[in-house]
Each structure stands twice: as C-alpha cells, then as structure tokens.
Amino acid sequence: MSISLARPIDPMIPRTLFDSDHEAFRTTARRFFEQEVIPHTERFEQQQHVDRDLWNKAGELGLLCATMPEEYGGSGVDRLYSMILMEEQGYAMDSSSGMSLHSDIVANYINNFGTHEQKLEWLPKMATGEVVGAIAMTEPGTGSDLQGVRTTAVLDGDDYVVNGSKIFITNGYLCDMAVVVVKTGNGEKGSSNLSLLIMDAKSPGFSKGKPLNKVGMKGQDTCELFFDNVRVPKANLLGMEGMGFIMLMKELAWERLMVAIICQAGAEAAFAQTLQYVKERKAFGKTVMSFQNTRFKLAEMRTDIDMGRAYVDRCMQMQLKESLAIEAAAAAKYKISEMFSKVVDECVQLHGGYGYMLEYPIARAYIDNRANRIYAGTNEIMKELISRSL
C-alpha cells in the first residue's frame, strides 16, 4: 500500500473502557497489523486469502483466543481485548484477516457449549494458530433463514454421516476445523432439528471450493464447503442434539456487536484518512479543507461517528455484564453499518477522482464495507428483531 494510514482522532467524549493492560495489548495488535498485514494487502487480495503462517504469528503474540480460559490455551481476559483487536483491524483498514471470527465466534461455541475433552482438543491449537476455525451456517438458497438448513447429519452407530454444502464461509479455504450447522432428528424443517457438529477438515468427504470472487474484501478467505458422506464422531456433537438453534441465538447478539465494533472503527479510520487528505490536497490555490462545504461535511461525519462510538461503547459495557439485549445488538449492527457506508461514501467524494483509485485506502474501504450490511443477518432482519421488542 503506497499511502500511509492515519490514526483515528480522539472522540469528543473521552472513552473510559480501557486500562493500561488493555492499551499494552492494543500496542501489540497495532504493530501486528502494521508489520504483518498492511504491507501484504495487495498480495492477500491477489491470492484471495492471507498467508497460512499469519495465523501462527498471531498466535505467538497472544492475539488469538485471548478470552479463552488459561486451561485451554487462552489468557482468560475480558472481551475488551477482543474489542481492541477488532478496532485495530478496522484502524488498519484490513478486510483480509478473519481472526475475530476464529477467536470470538468459533472458539466461543466450543468454550460455551463443548465438553472438557472437546475444549482440550481444539482450543489450545486455535490459540496458537495451529488450527484455523470456521463457522458454517449459511447454505445456498437459505441466507439468513437458519430454519431452512438442508445439510443433514444422520446417526450411524457412533458417527453422524453428514451430507450437504455451505456457502460464504469465512476462513473456509484455510480452515482446519469448522463448527457446522446440520439438521438432525427426523429431518423435518424447523429449529428443533438443528444441531452443531465440530468437523475436522481432514475428514474424508470434506472438500472446499475455490475462494469466492467477491466484489470487495478480496483478501479475506471466503469459500464454499461440501460434505459428501462425511463421518463425524458422535463425540463431536456440541451440546445436545436439537439444541443448535438455541446455541446460535445465544451467540448471535455478540456476533452482531462485533460487526458494529468493526464498522465503528472502520468509519473512524476512513474519517482520519480523509481529514489528512483534505488538509494536504490543494484546489484553486488553497487546501480542500479551506472550503466551507468540506468543513461542514467533516463536522457532520464526526458527529455521526461520535454518536456511534458512544452507543457501541455502551453496548460493550452491557456485553461485559452479559446483559446486552438482542434488539440492542441488532440496532448496533444495523445503525453502525449504515453509518459506516454513509461516511465512506462522503469520504470518497471529498477525495475526488483519487477516491476512486484503489491505491488509496478510501477506495478499498468503499468496496469492502458494503458486506457489513448483509452478513451476521441482513439489516432488514435486524429491523425485524428490533420491531419485535416494541
């Protein structure tokens, strides 16, 4: 990347979430993205996934699965550390790495619902980067409708025999393991027949498609997964059979807050990048910053960004107390992802023609951010969830 990245400016209302240990972790995370990710962005985009050893480097620095108990390879710290890692990824304008999904979604399912043996088998390896984890929910034709899952798991002796496919799976191409949403029981459609299986990617019949050719986020590993009579030991069932939907619902609020955290950081990064640009770029003999329209647009964006920051931080405080409401998380995901899109669009406009050139980080942000309004449940689904609380 030829253009240096600007650090976000401090919010107008100071943040109070973090202590000195958190900030030390932030310094480590920032260096990791500056040294191991940003210089390789173009290559990651060309190969459509990060280098496999990036996971091992992150593990060596303690950036993976930090919130997992020390007994299982983590550091036993609070989720503010997860927030910091997501923010630093956003500040680096990195859309390639899928570490938060690995550490804060996949690992959480195993830690929250797995047996002691399952945790011992998978979590330490995930913490070191030896194992890359994925979560396989979405199927062709189902989208946000988890009750429409068609991948089946039929019990045969001590194994489940799994058949079906998944699509849009982050970390899918490099994954060594996936938590897979399957239909068990009598095979009827409905949430009562959903279960979660831990599936080893080396299992016969488990195959991966090529990385999907996305509009943006081209460096992020996203692919299809296929299951052809894959035998999965019954011991790899997470929780109880038929309890998959309940387990998924318990984790989705956090997953949606994660999207809001990343979008909030992305908006702050886009704003900082644009502020730096308009102070340096000249038009008609003076800087772009000198024009009243520019200053007013920046004032509008900063206000929206700071309002978003206050809400996200408050949601995080509730998450730490395990009291974040489903509708509050849905509102965060919906509104902050919309705000991010609005900010990036304004930032491209303030860059003029250069904002449409891919060597400028703002152009990458423009094409990368759009997916945030789709995954983890579309924003239309978020509005439906919010409306149910009325």
Protein backbone atom coordinates (compact mmCIF):
# COMPACT_ATOMS: atom_id res chain seq x y z
CA MET A 1 0.00 0.00 0.00
CA SER A 2 1.54 3.24 -1.15
CA ILE A 3 -0.45 5.63 1.06
CA SER A 4 0.33 5.81 4.79
CA LEU A 5 -2.59 5.30 7.16
CA ALA A 6 -3.66 7.99 9.62
CA ARG A 7 -4.56 7.10 13.21
CA PRO A 8 -8.13 7.99 14.22
CA ILE A 9 -8.58 11.19 16.16
CA ASP A 10 -9.81 11.04 19.76
CA PRO A 11 -13.60 11.15 20.21
CA MET A 12 -15.08 14.37 21.58
CA ILE A 13 -16.25 12.48 24.67
CA PRO A 14 -13.26 10.51 26.05
CA ARG A 15 -13.57 6.74 26.27
CA THR A 16 -13.36 5.07 29.70
CA LEU A 17 -13.38 1.35 28.89
CA PHE A 18 -9.68 0.52 28.92
CA ASP A 19 -6.86 0.27 31.46
CA SER A 20 -3.08 0.12 30.98
CA ASP A 21 -3.09 -3.63 30.30
CA HIS A 22 -5.66 -3.15 27.56
CA GLU A 23 -3.56 -0.41 25.99
CA ALA A 24 -0.44 -2.60 26.07
CA PHE A 25 -2.41 -5.25 24.18
CA ARG A 26 -3.53 -2.56 21.72
CA THR A 27 0.10 -1.65 21.04
CA THR A 28 0.89 -5.30 20.23
CA ALA A 29 -2.15 -5.62 17.98
CA ARG A 30 -1.34 -2.37 16.17
CA ARG A 31 2.22 -3.47 15.44
CA PHE A 32 0.96 -6.80 14.16
CA PHE A 33 -1.34 -5.18 11.61
CA GLU A 34 1.27 -2.58 10.64
CA GLN A 35 4.06 -5.12 10.13
CA GLU A 36 2.35 -8.37 9.15
CA VAL A 37 -0.84 -7.35 7.36
CA ILE A 38 -0.78 -3.88 5.78
CA PRO A 39 2.41 -4.43 3.71
CA HIS A 40 0.91 -7.59 2.19
CA THR A 41 -2.61 -6.37 1.45
CA GLU A 42 -2.26 -6.47 -2.34
CA ARG A 43 -0.81 -9.99 -2.32
CA PHE A 44 -3.57 -11.22 0.01
CA GLU A 45 -6.12 -9.79 -2.39
CA GLN A 46 -4.49 -11.45 -5.37
CA GLN A 47 -4.40 -14.90 -3.75
CA GLN A 48 -7.82 -14.28 -2.08
CA HIS A 49 -6.66 -15.33 1.39
CA VAL A 50 -3.99 -14.43 3.92
CA ASP A 51 -0.81 -16.47 4.26
CA ARG A 52 -1.31 -19.53 6.42
CA ASP A 53 1.61 -18.61 8.68
CA LEU A 54 -0.08 -15.30 9.56
CA TRP A 55 -2.23 -17.35 11.91
CA ASN A 56 0.84 -18.79 13.64
CA LYS A 57 2.37 -15.32 14.01
CA ALA A 58 -0.82 -14.02 15.59
CA GLY A 59 -0.86 -16.99 17.94
CA GLU A 60 2.72 -16.38 19.02
CA LEU A 61 1.78 -12.82 20.03
CA GLY A 62 -1.24 -13.95 22.05
CA LEU A 63 -3.72 -12.32 19.69
CA LEU A 64 -5.83 -15.44 19.14
CA CYS A 65 -8.46 -16.74 21.58
CA ALA A 66 -7.25 -14.38 24.31
CA THR A 67 -10.57 -14.57 26.15
CA MET A 68 -10.47 -18.37 26.40
CA PRO A 69 -9.60 -19.82 29.85
CA GLU A 70 -5.89 -20.35 30.53
CA GLU A 71 -6.62 -24.06 30.98
CA TYR A 72 -7.45 -24.20 27.28
CA GLY A 73 -4.63 -22.05 25.92
CA GLY A 74 -6.09 -18.57 26.24
CA SER A 75 -5.24 -15.72 28.57
CA GLY A 76 -8.56 -15.65 30.43
CA VAL A 77 -9.02 -11.92 29.79
CA ASP A 78 -12.24 -9.97 29.21
CA ARG A 79 -13.84 -9.23 25.87
CA LEU A 80 -12.40 -5.73 25.81
CA TYR A 81 -9.28 -7.43 24.44
CA SER A 82 -11.40 -8.80 21.62
CA MET A 83 -12.79 -5.32 21.02
CA ILE A 84 -9.27 -3.90 20.82
CA LEU A 85 -8.19 -6.47 18.22
CA MET A 86 -11.25 -5.69 16.09
CA GLU A 87 -10.67 -1.95 16.41
CA GLU A 88 -7.04 -2.22 15.39
CA GLN A 89 -8.07 -4.29 12.39
CA GLY A 90 -10.53 -1.54 11.47
CA TYR A 91 -7.96 1.21 12.01
CA ALA A 92 -5.57 -0.71 9.72
CA MET A 93 -8.40 -0.77 7.14
CA ASP A 94 -7.76 -4.52 6.91
CA SER A 95 -10.54 -6.63 5.40
CA SER A 96 -8.39 -9.72 4.85
CA SER A 97 -7.92 -11.39 8.23
CA GLY A 98 -10.71 -13.44 9.82
CA MET A 99 -9.20 -13.71 13.29
CA SER A 100 -12.15 -12.29 15.20
CA LEU A 101 -14.49 -14.90 13.79
CA HIS A 102 -11.97 -17.61 14.73
CA SER A 103 -11.38 -16.31 18.27
CA ASP A 104 -14.73 -14.78 19.22
CA ILE A 105 -17.30 -16.88 17.42
CA VAL A 106 -15.93 -20.36 16.69
CA ALA A 107 -13.93 -20.62 19.93
CA ASN A 108 -16.87 -19.26 21.93
CA TYR A 109 -19.19 -22.01 20.71
CA ILE A 110 -16.70 -24.65 21.80
CA ASN A 111 -15.92 -22.96 25.12
CA ASN A 112 -19.55 -22.23 25.98
CA PHE A 113 -21.16 -25.47 24.86
CA GLY A 114 -18.38 -28.03 24.44
CA THR A 115 -17.24 -30.80 26.76
CA HIS A 116 -13.95 -30.64 28.64
CA GLU A 117 -12.50 -33.10 26.12
CA GLN A 118 -13.65 -31.01 23.13
CA LYS A 119 -12.14 -27.88 24.64
CA LEU A 120 -8.83 -29.60 25.31
CA GLU A 121 -8.70 -30.98 21.80
CA TRP A 122 -9.41 -27.77 19.89
CA LEU A 123 -8.98 -24.56 21.87
CA PRO A 124 -5.22 -24.72 22.63
CA LYS A 125 -4.50 -25.36 18.94
CA MET A 126 -6.76 -22.47 17.96
CA ALA A 127 -4.91 -20.19 20.40
CA THR A 128 -1.53 -20.96 18.80
CA GLY A 129 -2.80 -20.76 15.23
CA GLU A 130 -2.11 -24.44 14.62
CA VAL A 131 -5.82 -24.84 13.87
CA VAL A 132 -7.87 -22.28 11.92
CA GLY A 133 -11.57 -22.35 12.76
CA ALA A 134 -14.67 -21.53 10.70
CA ILE A 135 -18.40 -21.46 11.41
CA ALA A 136 -20.53 -22.99 8.65
CA MET A 137 -24.14 -21.78 8.81
CA THR A 138 -25.25 -20.27 5.51
CA GLU A 139 -26.32 -22.50 2.64
CA PRO A 140 -27.14 -21.78 -1.00
CA GLY A 141 -30.72 -20.55 -1.01
CA THR A 142 -31.15 -20.10 2.75
CA GLY A 143 -29.38 -16.82 3.52
CA SER A 144 -30.46 -15.58 6.94
CA ASP A 145 -33.09 -18.35 7.30
CA LEU A 146 -31.36 -20.87 9.55
CA GLN A 147 -34.53 -22.93 9.79
CA GLY A 148 -34.13 -23.67 6.09
CA VAL A 149 -30.88 -25.61 6.58
CA ARG A 150 -30.73 -28.73 4.41
CA THR A 151 -27.34 -30.18 5.38
CA THR A 152 -28.19 -33.45 7.12
CA ALA A 153 -26.43 -35.45 9.83
CA VAL A 154 -27.78 -38.99 10.15
CA LEU A 155 -26.64 -41.09 13.09
CA ASP A 156 -24.99 -44.34 12.05
CA GLY A 157 -23.51 -46.23 15.00
CA ASP A 158 -21.04 -43.94 16.76
CA ASP A 159 -20.86 -41.49 13.84
CA TYR A 160 -23.01 -38.88 12.18
CA VAL A 161 -22.96 -39.12 8.38
CA VAL A 162 -23.11 -35.58 7.01
CA ASN A 163 -24.24 -34.55 3.52
CA GLY A 164 -24.78 -31.06 2.15
CA SER A 165 -22.96 -27.82 1.48
CA LYS A 166 -22.35 -24.35 2.90
CA ILE A 167 -21.55 -21.04 1.20
CA PHE A 168 -19.94 -17.69 2.09
CA ILE A 169 -17.80 -19.34 4.79
CA THR A 170 -15.15 -17.01 6.25
CA ASN A 171 -11.84 -18.83 6.88
CA GLY A 172 -13.29 -21.72 4.89
CA TYR A 173 -10.41 -22.17 2.46
CA LEU A 174 -7.71 -22.35 5.14
CA CYS A 175 -9.82 -23.88 7.91
CA ASP A 176 -8.62 -26.96 9.75
CA MET A 177 -11.91 -27.29 11.59
CA ALA A 178 -15.44 -25.99 11.23
CA VAL A 179 -18.42 -25.82 13.55
CA VAL A 180 -21.17 -26.91 11.16
CA VAL A 181 -24.90 -26.30 11.48
CA VAL A 182 -26.71 -29.50 10.50
CA LYS A 183 -30.21 -30.93 10.51
CA THR A 184 -30.60 -33.94 12.79
CA GLY A 185 -33.57 -35.88 14.14
CA ASN A 186 -36.46 -36.80 11.87
CA GLY A 187 -35.33 -34.46 9.09
CA GLU A 188 -38.33 -32.13 9.25
CA LYS A 189 -37.75 -28.44 8.64
CA GLY A 190 -37.60 -26.34 11.78
CA SER A 191 -35.38 -25.02 14.53
CA SER A 192 -35.92 -28.04 16.81
CA ASN A 193 -33.90 -30.25 14.45
CA LEU A 194 -30.76 -28.08 14.24
CA SER A 195 -27.52 -29.27 15.84
CA LEU A 196 -23.86 -28.20 15.81
CA LEU A 197 -21.02 -30.54 14.93
CA ILE A 198 -17.28 -29.97 15.22
CA MET A 199 -15.90 -31.21 11.91
CA ASP A 200 -12.25 -31.92 11.17
CA ALA A 201 -11.42 -30.53 7.72
CA LYS A 202 -9.20 -33.56 7.05
CA SER A 203 -12.19 -35.90 7.23
CA PRO A 204 -12.81 -37.92 4.04
CA GLY A 205 -15.60 -36.35 2.02
CA PHE A 206 -14.96 -32.84 3.39
CA SER A 207 -13.95 -30.60 0.48
CA LYS A 208 -13.52 -26.89 -0.20
CA GLY A 209 -14.32 -24.78 -3.22
CA LYS A 210 -12.00 -22.12 -4.58
CA PRO A 211 -12.10 -18.74 -2.79
CA LEU A 212 -15.19 -16.88 -3.94
CA ASN A 213 -14.72 -13.91 -6.27
CA LYS A 214 -16.28 -11.16 -4.17
CA VAL A 215 -16.86 -7.51 -5.06
CA GLY A 216 -14.80 -6.39 -2.06
CA MET A 217 -12.97 -7.95 0.87
CA LYS A 218 -10.95 -9.77 -1.75
CA GLY A 219 -8.15 -10.73 0.62
CA GLN A 220 -10.49 -12.47 3.04
CA ASP A 221 -10.69 -16.22 2.77
CA THR A 222 -14.31 -17.00 1.80
CA CYS A 223 -15.41 -20.18 0.08
CA GLU A 224 -17.95 -22.99 -0.22
CA LEU A 225 -17.70 -26.19 1.83
CA PHE A 226 -19.01 -29.55 0.65
CA PHE A 227 -19.83 -32.64 2.70
CA ASP A 228 -20.15 -35.98 0.92
CA ASN A 229 -20.88 -38.75 3.43
CA VAL A 230 -18.51 -37.20 5.95
CA ARG A 231 -18.34 -39.35 9.07
CA VAL A 232 -18.21 -37.24 12.21
CA PRO A 233 -17.82 -38.98 15.60
CA LYS A 234 -20.86 -38.58 17.84
CA ALA A 235 -18.40 -37.24 20.42
CA ASN A 236 -18.04 -34.14 18.19
CA LEU A 237 -21.62 -33.04 18.83
CA LEU A 238 -21.66 -29.66 20.54
CA GLY A 239 -24.15 -29.56 23.39
CA MET A 240 -27.25 -31.66 22.88
CA GLU A 241 -28.86 -32.82 19.65
CA GLY A 242 -31.59 -30.43 18.53
CA MET A 243 -30.26 -27.54 20.65
CA GLY A 244 -28.35 -25.88 17.81
CA PHE A 245 -30.79 -23.04 17.24
CA ILE A 246 -30.79 -22.08 20.92
CA MET A 247 -26.97 -22.09 21.00
CA LEU A 248 -26.82 -19.97 17.85
CA MET A 249 -29.26 -17.44 19.28
CA LYS A 250 -27.18 -17.09 22.46
CA GLU A 251 -24.10 -16.10 20.45
CA LEU A 252 -25.66 -14.00 17.68
CA ALA A 253 -26.02 -10.85 19.81
CA TRP A 254 -22.26 -10.81 20.39
CA GLU A 255 -21.59 -11.55 16.72
CA ARG A 256 -23.72 -8.57 15.71
CA LEU A 257 -21.99 -6.30 18.20
CA MET A 258 -18.70 -7.48 16.67
CA VAL A 259 -19.86 -6.18 13.28
CA ALA A 260 -20.75 -2.85 14.89
CA ILE A 261 -17.33 -2.63 16.57
CA ILE A 262 -15.51 -3.27 13.29
CA CYS A 263 -17.74 -0.81 11.38
CA GLN A 264 -17.28 1.87 14.02
CA ALA A 265 -13.50 1.51 13.82
CA GLY A 266 -13.69 1.48 10.03
CA ALA A 267 -15.67 4.73 9.99
CA GLU A 268 -13.14 6.36 12.32
CA ALA A 269 -10.29 5.20 10.09
CA ALA A 270 -11.98 6.44 6.91
CA PHE A 271 -12.60 9.81 8.55
CA ALA A 272 -8.99 10.12 9.73
CA GLN A 273 -7.71 9.22 6.27
CA THR A 274 -9.94 11.83 4.66
CA LEU A 275 -9.09 14.52 7.21
CA GLN A 276 -5.41 14.01 6.42
CA TYR A 277 -6.10 14.15 2.68
CA VAL A 278 -8.16 17.37 2.66
CA LYS A 279 -5.56 19.16 4.77
CA GLU A 280 -2.85 18.31 2.21
CA ARG A 281 -4.70 18.38 -1.12
CA LYS A 282 -4.97 21.77 -2.85
CA ALA A 283 -7.59 23.04 -5.28
CA PHE A 284 -7.90 26.56 -6.69
CA GLY A 285 -4.80 27.60 -4.79
CA LYS A 286 -5.93 26.51 -1.32
CA THR A 287 -6.42 23.30 0.60
CA VAL A 288 -9.65 21.34 0.20
CA MET A 289 -10.07 21.77 3.96
CA SER A 290 -10.40 25.54 3.44
CA PHE A 291 -13.78 25.19 1.73
CA GLN A 292 -16.81 25.55 3.97
CA ASN A 293 -18.54 22.57 2.35
CA THR A 294 -15.62 20.36 3.30
CA ARG A 295 -15.58 21.54 6.89
CA PHE A 296 -19.35 21.12 7.25
CA LYS A 297 -19.23 17.61 5.77
CA LEU A 298 -16.45 16.69 8.19
CA ALA A 299 -18.44 18.15 11.08
CA GLU A 300 -21.48 16.07 10.11
CA MET A 301 -19.40 12.90 9.83
CA ARG A 302 -17.59 13.46 13.09
CA THR A 303 -20.89 13.94 14.89
CA ASP A 304 -22.33 10.72 13.45
CA ILE A 305 -19.13 8.85 14.28
CA ASP A 306 -19.03 10.10 17.86
CA MET A 307 -22.69 9.24 18.40
CA GLY A 308 -21.93 5.74 17.12
CA ARG A 309 -18.91 5.45 19.39
CA ALA A 310 -20.98 6.30 22.47
CA TYR A 311 -23.60 3.66 21.61
CA VAL A 312 -21.09 0.93 20.74
CA ASP A 313 -19.11 1.50 23.93
CA ARG A 314 -22.30 1.38 25.99
CA CYS A 315 -23.32 -1.87 24.29
CA MET A 316 -19.89 -3.25 25.11
CA GLN A 317 -20.36 -2.36 28.76
CA MET A 318 -23.62 -4.32 28.72
CA GLN A 319 -21.94 -7.23 26.93
CA LEU A 320 -19.29 -7.41 29.66
CA LYS A 321 -22.13 -7.80 32.17
CA GLU A 322 -23.78 -10.40 29.90
CA SER A 323 -26.88 -8.21 29.78
CA LEU A 324 -26.83 -6.96 26.17
CA ALA A 325 -30.33 -7.30 24.75
CA ILE A 326 -30.82 -8.95 21.36
CA GLU A 327 -32.59 -5.87 19.98
CA ALA A 328 -29.83 -3.54 21.25
CA ALA A 329 -27.19 -5.60 19.45
CA ALA A 330 -29.36 -5.66 16.34
CA ALA A 331 -29.69 -1.87 16.48
CA ALA A 332 -25.92 -1.51 16.81
CA LYS A 333 -25.25 -3.77 13.84
CA TYR A 334 -27.89 -2.07 11.69
CA LYS A 335 -27.20 1.57 12.50
CA ILE A 336 -23.39 1.49 12.72
CA SER A 337 -23.02 -0.45 9.46
CA GLU A 338 -25.32 2.08 7.77
CA MET A 339 -23.31 4.94 9.28
CA PHE A 340 -20.06 3.40 8.03
CA SER A 341 -21.42 3.21 4.49
CA LYS A 342 -22.57 6.83 4.63
CA VAL A 343 -19.22 8.04 5.99
CA VAL A 344 -17.18 6.15 3.40
CA ASP A 345 -19.33 7.49 0.58
CA GLU A 346 -18.81 11.08 1.78
CA CYS A 347 -15.07 10.43 2.19
CA VAL A 348 -14.76 9.18 -1.38
CA GLN A 349 -16.49 12.35 -2.58
CA LEU A 350 -14.06 14.55 -0.64
CA HIS A 351 -11.14 12.68 -2.23
CA GLY A 352 -12.48 13.50 -5.69
CA GLY A 353 -11.16 11.32 -8.50
CA TYR A 354 -8.42 9.89 -6.31
CA GLY A 355 -11.07 8.41 -4.06
CA TYR A 356 -11.89 6.02 -6.88
CA MET A 357 -8.31 4.80 -7.25
CA LEU A 358 -7.51 1.54 -5.49
CA GLU A 359 -4.08 2.67 -4.33
CA TYR A 360 -5.94 4.97 -1.94
CA PRO A 361 -7.21 3.19 1.19
CA ILE A 362 -10.55 5.01 0.99
CA ALA A 363 -11.33 3.30 -2.33
CA ARG A 364 -10.72 -0.11 -0.79
CA ALA A 365 -12.91 0.83 2.16
CA TYR A 366 -15.65 1.87 -0.27
CA ILE A 367 -15.90 -1.59 -1.83
CA ASP A 368 -15.10 -3.55 1.33
CA ASN A 369 -17.63 -2.02 3.71
CA ARG A 370 -20.78 -2.93 1.80
CA ALA A 371 -20.91 -6.52 3.03
CA ASN A 372 -21.34 -5.39 6.64
CA ARG A 373 -25.00 -4.64 5.95
CA ILE A 374 -25.51 -8.23 4.76
CA TYR A 375 -23.63 -10.75 6.89
CA ALA A 376 -24.40 -11.69 10.52
CA GLY A 377 -28.03 -11.26 9.48
CA THR A 378 -29.07 -8.65 6.92
CA ASN A 379 -30.04 -5.21 8.18
CA GLU A 380 -33.62 -6.00 7.20
CA ILE A 381 -33.52 -8.91 9.67
CA MET A 382 -32.09 -6.52 12.28
CA LYS A 383 -35.09 -4.21 11.83
CA GLU A 384 -37.41 -7.17 12.24
CA LEU A 385 -35.71 -8.13 15.51
CA ILE A 386 -35.94 -4.55 16.79
CA SER A 387 -39.62 -4.33 15.84
CA ARG A 388 -40.43 -7.47 17.83
CA SER A 389 -39.37 -5.68 21.02
CA LEU A 390 -41.95 -2.90 20.54
